[in-house]
Amino acid sequence: MPVITTNSVIEVTSTNATSGGDVKSEGGSAITARGICWNTTGLPTTDNDKSVEPGRLGNFVSYVVQLNPGTIYYVCAYATNSLGTGYGSTLSFRTSLK
């Protein structure tokens, strides 16, 4: 499985935020998708809202969009290959009020 870390959440507004990840290892098979996923309940997965970013190894930046003001969100980076999906640590943040 891929090995990935989640980057800090920055530039938080009432409806958007910036995060990303760092794919450290493909885990034995080429990366087919990477990005971040988010939700409001904790432990987000690719079944939740997600971004998809180009590339395979290394750092990437991704945007969390269409958020609600004053809400706590959970975000983590992911990378998928033919063996499965690896996730980074889950981070939380609160969007600002309008």
Protein backbone atom coordinates (compact mmCIF):
# COMPACT_ATOMS: atom_id res chain seq x y z
CA MET A 1 0.00 0.00 0.00
CA PRO A 2 1.17 3.57 -0.58
CA VAL A 3 2.77 5.51 2.28
CA ILE A 4 1.60 9.12 2.55
CA THR A 5 1.59 11.98 5.05
CA THR A 6 -0.98 14.77 5.37
CA ASN A 7 0.25 18.38 5.14
CA SER A 8 -0.99 21.10 7.50
CA VAL A 9 -4.23 22.89 6.73
CA ILE A 10 -3.61 26.55 5.84
CA GLU A 11 -5.42 29.52 4.30
CA VAL A 12 -8.74 28.64 5.94
CA THR A 13 -11.67 30.86 4.98
CA SER A 14 -15.40 30.48 5.51
CA THR A 15 -15.77 28.21 2.46
CA ASN A 16 -12.29 26.93 1.47
CA ALA A 17 -8.97 25.68 2.84
CA THR A 18 -5.63 24.46 1.50
CA SER A 19 -3.87 21.23 2.45
CA GLY A 20 -2.12 18.45 0.57
CA GLY A 21 0.18 15.54 1.17
CA ASP A 22 3.49 13.90 0.52
CA VAL A 23 3.57 10.46 -1.10
CA LYS A 24 6.67 8.84 0.45
CA SER A 25 6.39 5.43 -1.24
CA GLU A 26 4.24 3.86 -3.93
CA GLY A 27 4.17 0.64 -1.91
CA GLY A 28 4.98 -1.81 -4.68
CA SER A 29 2.61 -0.57 -7.38
CA ALA A 30 2.22 2.69 -9.33
CA ILE A 31 0.01 5.39 -7.80
CA THR A 32 -3.23 5.73 -9.77
CA ALA A 33 -4.82 8.54 -7.70
CA ARG A 34 -3.81 10.91 -4.92
CA GLY A 35 -5.35 13.90 -3.18
CA ILE A 36 -7.17 14.77 0.00
CA CYS A 37 -10.53 13.69 1.37
CA TRP A 38 -12.70 15.42 3.94
CA ASN A 39 -15.88 15.23 5.99
CA THR A 40 -17.50 16.61 9.15
CA THR A 41 -17.71 13.35 11.10
CA GLY A 42 -14.06 12.26 11.40
CA LEU A 43 -11.83 9.67 9.71
CA PRO A 44 -12.51 10.75 6.12
CA THR A 45 -12.02 8.28 3.27
CA THR A 46 -12.23 8.42 -0.50
CA ASP A 47 -15.94 7.62 -0.14
CA ASN A 48 -16.34 11.20 1.18
CA ASP A 49 -15.66 14.48 -0.62
CA LYS A 50 -12.21 14.38 -2.18
CA SER A 51 -9.81 16.04 -4.56
CA VAL A 52 -7.70 14.26 -7.16
CA GLU A 53 -4.25 15.66 -7.94
CA PRO A 54 -1.80 14.72 -10.72
CA GLY A 55 1.46 12.93 -10.07
CA ARG A 56 2.74 9.94 -8.18
CA LEU A 57 5.52 10.58 -5.63
CA GLY A 58 6.32 13.68 -3.59
CA ASN A 59 4.50 16.72 -2.27
CA PHE A 60 1.27 18.09 -3.66
CA VAL A 61 -1.12 20.90 -2.79
CA SER A 62 -4.86 20.41 -2.80
CA TYR A 63 -7.90 22.55 -2.07
CA VAL A 64 -10.83 21.78 0.20
CA VAL A 65 -13.80 23.60 -1.35
CA GLN A 66 -17.53 24.29 -0.97
CA LEU A 67 -17.38 24.23 2.83
CA ASN A 68 -19.89 25.66 5.30
CA PRO A 69 -18.90 28.62 7.51
CA GLY A 70 -18.15 27.97 11.18
CA THR A 71 -17.95 24.19 10.76
CA ILE A 72 -15.34 21.68 11.94
CA TYR A 73 -13.93 19.56 9.12
CA TYR A 74 -11.59 16.57 9.11
CA VAL A 75 -9.10 16.10 6.29
CA CYS A 76 -6.48 13.52 5.33
CA ALA A 77 -4.29 12.83 2.34
CA TYR A 78 -4.69 9.60 0.38
CA ALA A 79 -2.86 7.70 -2.34
CA THR A 80 -4.30 4.74 -4.24
CA ASN A 81 -2.65 1.99 -6.25
CA SER A 82 -3.68 -1.52 -7.36
CA LEU A 83 -3.00 -2.83 -3.83
CA GLY A 84 -5.34 -0.39 -2.07
CA THR A 85 -5.47 3.10 -0.59
CA GLY A 86 -3.07 4.49 1.99
CA TYR A 87 -4.09 7.40 4.21
CA GLY A 88 -2.11 10.03 6.07
CA SER A 89 -2.98 11.35 9.51
CA THR A 90 -6.39 12.97 9.98
CA LEU A 91 -6.28 16.69 10.82
CA SER A 92 -9.15 18.94 11.86
CA PHE A 93 -9.89 22.61 11.30
CA ARG A 94 -12.79 25.02 11.66
CA THR A 95 -13.90 27.31 8.87
CA SER A 96 -14.30 30.95 9.75
CA LEU A 97 -17.67 32.65 10.04
CA LYS A 98 -18.76 34.80 7.11
